[in-house]
Amino acid sequence: YIEAKARERLQMVKRGERQVILIAPNKE
């Protein structure tokens, strides 16, 4: 759970992984 929240909130990744952030506008 701690790892999942760190990945979600802090946008952390493990070594060797690449982080891709998609910025898509919301419906409004």
PDB file of all heavy atoms in Angstrom:
ATOM      1  N   TYR A   1       0.839  -1.201   0.000  1.00  0.00           N
ATOM      2  CA  TYR A   1       0.000   0.000   0.000  1.00  0.00           C
ATOM      3  C   TYR A   1       0.874   1.251   0.000  1.00  0.00           C
ATOM      4  O   TYR A   1       0.602   2.208  -0.732  1.00  0.00           O
ATOM      5  CB  TYR A   1      -0.922  -0.017   1.221  1.00  0.00           C
ATOM      6  CG  TYR A   1      -1.781   1.214   1.353  1.00  0.00           C
ATOM      7  CD1 TYR A   1      -2.947   1.358   0.616  1.00  0.00           C
ATOM      8  CD2 TYR A   1      -1.416   2.251   2.203  1.00  0.00           C
ATOM      9  CE1 TYR A   1      -3.732   2.491   0.720  1.00  0.00           C
ATOM     10  CE2 TYR A   1      -2.193   3.391   2.325  1.00  0.00           C
ATOM     11  CZ  TYR A   1      -3.355   3.502   1.585  1.00  0.00           C
ATOM     12  OH  TYR A   1      -4.123   4.626   1.696  1.00  0.00           O
ATOM     13  N   ILE A   2       1.929   1.227   0.810  1.00  0.00           N
ATOM     14  CA  ILE A   2       2.839   2.377   0.885  1.00  0.00           C
ATOM     15  C   ILE A   2       3.498   2.618  -0.472  1.00  0.00           C
ATOM     16  O   ILE A   2       3.599   3.752  -0.946  1.00  0.00           O
ATOM     17  CB  ILE A   2       3.893   2.164   1.991  1.00  0.00           C
ATOM     18  CG1 ILE A   2       3.210   2.137   3.351  1.00  0.00           C
ATOM     19  CG2 ILE A   2       4.967   3.233   1.930  1.00  0.00           C
ATOM     20  CD1 ILE A   2       4.105   1.702   4.488  1.00  0.00           C
ATOM     21  N   GLU A   3       3.914   1.551  -1.113  1.00  0.00           N
ATOM     22  CA  GLU A   3       4.546   1.688  -2.427  1.00  0.00           C
ATOM     23  C   GLU A   3       3.551   2.232  -3.449  1.00  0.00           C
ATOM     24  O   GLU A   3       3.891   3.119  -4.241  1.00  0.00           O
ATOM     25  CB  GLU A   3       5.079   0.333  -2.903  1.00  0.00           C
ATOM     26  CG  GLU A   3       5.747   0.402  -4.250  1.00  0.00           C
ATOM     27  CD  GLU A   3       6.230  -0.959  -4.741  1.00  0.00           C
ATOM     28  OE1 GLU A   3       6.315  -1.902  -3.927  1.00  0.00           O
ATOM     29  OE2 GLU A   3       6.523  -1.057  -5.940  1.00  0.00           O
ATOM     30  N   ALA A   4       2.330   1.716  -3.446  1.00  0.00           N
ATOM     31  CA  ALA A   4       1.332   2.178  -4.411  1.00  0.00           C
ATOM     32  C   ALA A   4       1.016   3.659  -4.209  1.00  0.00           C
ATOM     33  O   ALA A   4       0.899   4.416  -5.181  1.00  0.00           O
ATOM     34  CB  ALA A   4       0.052   1.343  -4.274  1.00  0.00           C
ATOM     35  N   LYS A   5       0.915   4.093  -2.957  1.00  0.00           N
ATOM     36  CA  LYS A   5       0.625   5.505  -2.688  1.00  0.00           C
ATOM     37  C   LYS A   5       1.819   6.391  -3.068  1.00  0.00           C
ATOM     38  O   LYS A   5       1.640   7.499  -3.552  1.00  0.00           O
ATOM     39  CB  LYS A   5       0.259   5.720  -1.214  1.00  0.00           C
ATOM     40  CG  LYS A   5      -1.129   5.250  -0.881  1.00  0.00           C
ATOM     41  CD  LYS A   5      -2.145   5.989  -1.712  1.00  0.00           C
ATOM     42  CE  LYS A   5      -3.527   5.488  -1.478  1.00  0.00           C
ATOM     43  NZ  LYS A   5      -4.534   6.108  -2.319  1.00  0.00           N
ATOM     44  N   ALA A   6       3.037   5.903  -2.841  1.00  0.00           N
ATOM     45  CA  ALA A   6       4.221   6.678  -3.218  1.00  0.00           C
ATOM     46  C   ALA A   6       4.286   6.838  -4.737  1.00  0.00           C
ATOM     47  O   ALA A   6       4.614   7.910  -5.242  1.00  0.00           O
ATOM     48  CB  ALA A   6       5.489   6.002  -2.701  1.00  0.00           C
ATOM     49  N   ARG A   7       3.960   5.781  -5.449  1.00  0.00           N
ATOM     50  CA  ARG A   7       3.960   5.866  -6.907  1.00  0.00           C
ATOM     51  C   ARG A   7       2.873   6.839  -7.381  1.00  0.00           C
ATOM     52  O   ARG A   7       3.084   7.613  -8.305  1.00  0.00           O
ATOM     53  CB  ARG A   7       3.705   4.496  -7.531  1.00  0.00           C
ATOM     54  CG  ARG A   7       4.884   3.572  -7.440  1.00  0.00           C
ATOM     55  CD  ARG A   7       4.481   2.176  -7.945  1.00  0.00           C
ATOM     56  NE  ARG A   7       5.616   1.331  -8.068  1.00  0.00           N
ATOM     57  CZ  ARG A   7       6.341   1.190  -9.188  1.00  0.00           C
ATOM     58  NH1 ARG A   7       6.019   1.859 -10.261  1.00  0.00           N
ATOM     59  NH2 ARG A   7       7.375   0.395  -9.212  1.00  0.00           N
ATOM     60  N   GLU A   8       1.708   6.773  -6.743  1.00  0.00           N
ATOM     61  CA  GLU A   8       0.576   7.599  -7.174  1.00  0.00           C
ATOM     62  C   GLU A   8       0.767   9.065  -6.799  1.00  0.00           C
ATOM     63  O   GLU A   8       0.673   9.947  -7.649  1.00  0.00           O
ATOM     64  CB  GLU A   8      -0.700   7.066  -6.518  1.00  0.00           C
ATOM     65  CG  GLU A   8      -1.941   7.874  -6.800  1.00  0.00           C
ATOM     66  CD  GLU A   8      -3.130   7.362  -6.014  1.00  0.00           C
ATOM     67  OE1 GLU A   8      -3.178   6.168  -5.679  1.00  0.00           O
ATOM     68  OE2 GLU A   8      -4.007   8.192  -5.715  1.00  0.00           O
ATOM     69  N   ARG A   9       1.037   9.339  -5.534  1.00  0.00           N
ATOM     70  CA  ARG A   9       1.088  10.727  -5.063  1.00  0.00           C
ATOM     71  C   ARG A   9       2.403  11.418  -5.365  1.00  0.00           C
ATOM     72  O   ARG A   9       2.428  12.588  -5.750  1.00  0.00           O
ATOM     73  CB  ARG A   9       0.855  10.773  -3.553  1.00  0.00           C
ATOM     74  CG  ARG A   9      -0.553  10.422  -3.156  1.00  0.00           C
ATOM     75  CD  ARG A   9      -0.717  10.574  -1.669  1.00  0.00           C
ATOM     76  NE  ARG A   9      -2.040  10.157  -1.246  1.00  0.00           N
ATOM     77  CZ  ARG A   9      -2.400  10.013   0.003  1.00  0.00           C
ATOM     78  NH1 ARG A   9      -1.530  10.269   0.967  1.00  0.00           N
ATOM     79  NH2 ARG A   9      -3.603   9.628   0.313  1.00  0.00           N
ATOM     80  N   LEU A  10       3.500  10.723  -5.161  1.00  0.00           N
ATOM     81  CA  LEU A  10       4.810  11.346  -5.318  1.00  0.00           C
ATOM     82  C   LEU A  10       5.422  11.087  -6.683  1.00  0.00           C
ATOM     83  O   LEU A  10       6.530  11.545  -6.960  1.00  0.00           O
ATOM     84  CB  LEU A  10       5.755  10.847  -4.216  1.00  0.00           C
ATOM     85  CG  LEU A  10       5.253  11.056  -2.782  1.00  0.00           C
ATOM     86  CD1 LEU A  10       6.211  10.422  -1.792  1.00  0.00           C
ATOM     87  CD2 LEU A  10       5.075  12.527  -2.497  1.00  0.00           C
ATOM     88  N   GLN A  11       4.742  10.319  -7.499  1.00  0.00           N
ATOM     89  CA  GLN A  11       5.193   9.978  -8.842  1.00  0.00           C
ATOM     90  C   GLN A  11       6.592   9.364  -8.813  1.00  0.00           C
ATOM     91  O   GLN A  11       7.469   9.715  -9.587  1.00  0.00           O
ATOM     92  CB  GLN A  11       5.146  11.213  -9.739  1.00  0.00           C
ATOM     93  CG  GLN A  11       3.758  11.779  -9.863  1.00  0.00           C
ATOM     94  CD  GLN A  11       3.721  13.075 -10.626  1.00  0.00           C
ATOM     95  OE1 GLN A  11       4.749  13.639 -10.973  1.00  0.00           O
ATOM     96  NE2 GLN A  11       2.519  13.555 -10.898  1.00  0.00           N
ATOM     97  N   MET A  12       6.779   8.442  -7.892  1.00  0.00           N
ATOM     98  CA  MET A  12       8.067   7.764  -7.760  1.00  0.00           C
ATOM     99  C   MET A  12       8.084   6.534  -8.659  1.00  0.00           C
ATOM    100  O   MET A  12       7.065   5.911  -8.911  1.00  0.00           O
ATOM    101  CB  MET A  12       8.307   7.362  -6.306  1.00  0.00           C
ATOM    102  CG  MET A  12       8.423   8.544  -5.360  1.00  0.00           C
ATOM    103  SD  MET A  12       8.688   8.043  -3.677  1.00  0.00           S
ATOM    104  CE  MET A  12      10.401   7.571  -3.750  1.00  0.00           C
ATOM    105  N   VAL A  13       9.281   6.184  -9.125  1.00  0.00           N
ATOM    106  CA  VAL A  13       9.455   4.998  -9.957  1.00  0.00           C
ATOM    107  C   VAL A  13      10.647   4.212  -9.425  1.00  0.00           C
ATOM    108  O   VAL A  13      11.528   4.742  -8.747  1.00  0.00           O
ATOM    109  CB  VAL A  13       9.683   5.371 -11.437  1.00  0.00           C
ATOM    110  CG1 VAL A  13       8.438   5.985 -12.029  1.00  0.00           C
ATOM    111  CG2 VAL A  13      10.863   6.275 -11.603  1.00  0.00           C
ATOM    112  N   LYS A  14      10.660   2.921  -9.742  1.00  0.00           N
ATOM    113  CA  LYS A  14      11.805   2.088  -9.354  1.00  0.00           C
ATOM    114  C   LYS A  14      12.935   2.304 -10.357  1.00  0.00           C
ATOM    115  O   LYS A  14      12.725   2.807 -11.463  1.00  0.00           O
ATOM    116  CB  LYS A  14      11.392   0.615  -9.348  1.00  0.00           C
ATOM    117  CG  LYS A  14      10.438   0.263  -8.238  1.00  0.00           C
ATOM    118  CD  LYS A  14      10.144  -1.219  -8.259  1.00  0.00           C
ATOM    119  CE  LYS A  14       9.208  -1.602  -7.141  1.00  0.00           C
ATOM    120  NZ  LYS A  14       8.889  -3.027  -7.162  1.00  0.00           N
ATOM    121  N   ARG A  15      14.131   1.873  -9.986  1.00  0.00           N
ATOM    122  CA  ARG A  15      15.268   1.983 -10.896  1.00  0.00           C
ATOM    123  C   ARG A  15      15.003   1.147 -12.136  1.00  0.00           C
ATOM    124  O   ARG A  15      14.512   0.019 -12.047  1.00  0.00           O
ATOM    125  CB  ARG A  15      16.543   1.488 -10.225  1.00  0.00           C
ATOM    126  CG  ARG A  15      17.021   2.457  -9.199  1.00  0.00           C
ATOM    127  CD  ARG A  15      18.437   2.165  -8.812  1.00  0.00           C
ATOM    128  NE  ARG A  15      18.857   3.196  -7.876  1.00  0.00           N
ATOM    129  CZ  ARG A  15      19.667   2.995  -6.879  1.00  0.00           C
ATOM    130  NH1 ARG A  15      20.185   1.795  -6.685  1.00  0.00           N
ATOM    131  NH2 ARG A  15      19.995   3.971  -6.083  1.00  0.00           N
ATOM    132  N   GLY A  16      15.332   1.712 -13.257  1.00  0.00           N
ATOM    133  CA  GLY A  16      15.147   1.005 -14.517  1.00  0.00           C
ATOM    134  C   GLY A  16      13.787   1.273 -15.149  1.00  0.00           C
ATOM    135  O   GLY A  16      13.586   0.949 -16.310  1.00  0.00           O
ATOM    136  N   GLU A  17      12.846   1.831 -14.410  1.00  0.00           N
ATOM    137  CA  GLU A  17      11.534   2.144 -14.976  1.00  0.00           C
ATOM    138  C   GLU A  17      11.558   3.564 -15.529  1.00  0.00           C
ATOM    139  O   GLU A  17      12.320   4.406 -15.073  1.00  0.00           O
ATOM    140  CB  GLU A  17      10.436   2.052 -13.904  1.00  0.00           C
ATOM    141  CG  GLU A  17      10.155   0.662 -13.425  1.00  0.00           C
ATOM    142  CD  GLU A  17       9.029   0.631 -12.388  1.00  0.00           C
ATOM    143  OE1 GLU A  17       8.633   1.698 -11.893  1.00  0.00           O
ATOM    144  OE2 GLU A  17       8.569  -0.462 -12.069  1.00  0.00           O
ATOM    145  N   ARG A  18      10.714   3.799 -16.512  1.00  0.00           N
ATOM    146  CA  ARG A  18      10.598   5.136 -17.072  1.00  0.00           C
ATOM    147  C   ARG A  18       9.211   5.657 -16.710  1.00  0.00           C
ATOM    148  O   ARG A  18       8.219   4.949 -16.827  1.00  0.00           O
ATOM    149  CB  ARG A  18      10.726   5.105 -18.587  1.00  0.00           C
ATOM    150  CG  ARG A  18      12.102   4.748 -19.041  1.00  0.00           C
ATOM    151  CD  ARG A  18      12.181   4.846 -20.521  1.00  0.00           C
ATOM    152  NE  ARG A  18      13.151   5.873 -20.837  1.00  0.00           N
ATOM    153  CZ  ARG A  18      13.320   6.371 -22.019  1.00  0.00           C
ATOM    154  NH1 ARG A  18      12.557   5.993 -23.008  1.00  0.00           N
ATOM    155  NH2 ARG A  18      14.243   7.273 -22.229  1.00  0.00           N
ATOM    156  N   GLN A  19       9.184   6.878 -16.294  1.00  0.00           N
ATOM    157  CA  GLN A  19       7.917   7.479 -15.919  1.00  0.00           C
ATOM    158  C   GLN A  19       7.366   8.278 -17.086  1.00  0.00           C
ATOM    159  O   GLN A  19       8.077   9.084 -17.695  1.00  0.00           O
ATOM    160  CB  GLN A  19       8.104   8.386 -14.711  1.00  0.00           C
ATOM    161  CG  GLN A  19       6.816   8.962 -14.212  1.00  0.00           C
ATOM    162  CD  GLN A  19       7.019   9.769 -12.947  1.00  0.00           C
ATOM    163  OE1 GLN A  19       8.115  10.186 -12.647  1.00  0.00           O
ATOM    164  NE2 GLN A  19       5.954   9.973 -12.223  1.00  0.00           N
ATOM    165  N   VAL A  20       6.118   8.036 -17.394  1.00  0.00           N
ATOM    166  CA  VAL A  20       5.443   8.764 -18.457  1.00  0.00           C
ATOM    167  C   VAL A  20       4.221   9.419 -17.832  1.00  0.00           C
ATOM    168  O   VAL A  20       3.393   8.754 -17.214  1.00  0.00           O
ATOM    169  CB  VAL A  20       5.014   7.824 -19.605  1.00  0.00           C
ATOM    170  CG1 VAL A  20       4.246   8.587 -20.667  1.00  0.00           C
ATOM    171  CG2 VAL A  20       6.218   7.130 -20.200  1.00  0.00           C
ATOM    172  N   ILE A  21       4.132  10.722 -17.987  1.00  0.00           N
ATOM    173  CA  ILE A  21       2.993  11.454 -17.442  1.00  0.00           C
ATOM    174  C   ILE A  21       2.192  11.996 -18.610  1.00  0.00           C
ATOM    175  O   ILE A  21       2.701  12.745 -19.440  1.00  0.00           O
ATOM    176  CB  ILE A  21       3.462  12.611 -16.534  1.00  0.00           C
ATOM    177  CG1 ILE A  21       4.252  12.062 -15.362  1.00  0.00           C
ATOM    178  CG2 ILE A  21       2.270  13.419 -16.049  1.00  0.00           C
ATOM    179  CD1 ILE A  21       4.838  13.124 -14.469  1.00  0.00           C
ATOM    180  N   LEU A  22       0.944  11.593 -18.675  1.00  0.00           N
ATOM    181  CA  LEU A  22       0.043  12.078 -19.710  1.00  0.00           C
ATOM    182  C   LEU A  22      -0.810  13.173 -19.104  1.00  0.00           C
ATOM    183  O   LEU A  22      -1.445  12.984 -18.076  1.00  0.00           O
ATOM    184  CB  LEU A  22      -0.854  10.951 -20.214  1.00  0.00           C
ATOM    185  CG  LEU A  22      -0.135   9.776 -20.874  1.00  0.00           C
ATOM    186  CD1 LEU A  22      -1.138   8.703 -21.238  1.00  0.00           C
ATOM    187  CD2 LEU A  22       0.598  10.245 -22.106  1.00  0.00           C
ATOM    188  N   ILE A  23      -0.791  14.297 -19.740  1.00  0.00           N
ATOM    189  CA  ILE A  23      -1.611  15.397 -19.264  1.00  0.00           C
ATOM    190  C   ILE A  23      -2.774  15.534 -20.230  1.00  0.00           C
ATOM    191  O   ILE A  23      -2.624  16.039 -21.343  1.00  0.00           O
ATOM    192  CB  ILE A  23      -0.804  16.702 -19.188  1.00  0.00           C
ATOM    193  CG1 ILE A  23       0.377  16.525 -18.253  1.00  0.00           C
ATOM    194  CG2 ILE A  23      -1.698  17.844 -18.736  1.00  0.00           C
ATOM    195  CD1 ILE A  23       1.295  17.714 -18.206  1.00  0.00           C
ATOM    196  N   ALA A  24      -3.897  15.052 -19.810  1.00  0.00           N
ATOM    197  CA  ALA A  24      -5.091  15.120 -20.635  1.00  0.00           C
ATOM    198  C   ALA A  24      -6.090  16.020 -19.915  1.00  0.00           C
ATOM    199  O   ALA A  24      -6.260  15.931 -18.703  1.00  0.00           O
ATOM    200  CB  ALA A  24      -5.690  13.734 -20.824  1.00  0.00           C
ATOM    201  N   PRO A  25      -6.723  16.897 -20.665  1.00  0.00           N
ATOM    202  CA  PRO A  25      -7.688  17.778 -20.007  1.00  0.00           C
ATOM    203  C   PRO A  25      -8.900  16.976 -19.522  1.00  0.00           C
ATOM    204  O   PRO A  25      -9.301  15.996 -20.158  1.00  0.00           O
ATOM    205  CB  PRO A  25      -8.076  18.772 -21.102  1.00  0.00           C
ATOM    206  CG  PRO A  25      -7.762  18.085 -22.378  1.00  0.00           C
ATOM    207  CD  PRO A  25      -6.624  17.156 -22.081  1.00  0.00           C
ATOM    208  N   ASN A  26      -9.431  17.415 -18.407  1.00  0.00           N
ATOM    209  CA  ASN A  26     -10.625  16.719 -17.929  1.00  0.00           C
ATOM    210  C   ASN A  26     -11.837  17.202 -18.728  1.00  0.00           C
ATOM    211  O   ASN A  26     -11.735  18.066 -19.599  1.00  0.00           O
ATOM    212  CB  ASN A  26     -10.817  16.933 -16.426  1.00  0.00           C
ATOM    213  CG  ASN A  26     -10.958  18.383 -16.047  1.00  0.00           C
ATOM    214  OD1 ASN A  26     -11.286  19.205 -16.877  1.00  0.00           O
ATOM    215  ND2 ASN A  26     -10.713  18.685 -14.786  1.00  0.00           N
ATOM    216  N   LYS A  27     -12.977  16.644 -18.430  1.00  0.00           N
ATOM    217  CA  LYS A  27     -14.177  16.901 -19.217  1.00  0.00           C
ATOM    218  C   LYS A  27     -14.577  18.382 -19.187  1.00  0.00           C
ATOM    219  O   LYS A  27     -14.925  18.956 -20.218  1.00  0.00           O
ATOM    220  CB  LYS A  27     -15.319  16.040 -18.683  1.00  0.00           C
ATOM    221  CG  LYS A  27     -16.531  16.008 -19.542  1.00  0.00           C
ATOM    222  CD  LYS A  27     -17.536  15.006 -19.010  1.00  0.00           C
ATOM    223  CE  LYS A  27     -18.705  14.870 -19.950  1.00  0.00           C
ATOM    224  NZ  LYS A  27     -19.654  13.866 -19.523  1.00  0.00           N
ATOM    225  N   GLU A  28     -14.494  19.007 -18.010  1.00  0.00           N
ATOM    226  CA  GLU A  28     -14.871  20.411 -17.900  1.00  0.00           C
ATOM    227  C   GLU A  28     -13.935  21.296 -18.712  1.00  0.00           C
ATOM    228  O   GLU A  28     -14.376  22.250 -19.377  1.00  0.00           O
ATOM    229  CB  GLU A  28     -14.866  20.871 -16.432  1.00  0.00           C
ATOM    230  CG  GLU A  28     -15.932  20.222 -15.571  1.00  0.00           C
ATOM    231  CD  GLU A  28     -15.501  18.881 -15.011  1.00  0.00           C
ATOM    232  OE1 GLU A  28     -14.280  18.625 -14.951  1.00  0.00           O
ATOM    233  OE2 GLU A  28     -16.382  18.093 -14.660  1.00  0.00           O
TER     234      GLU A  28
END
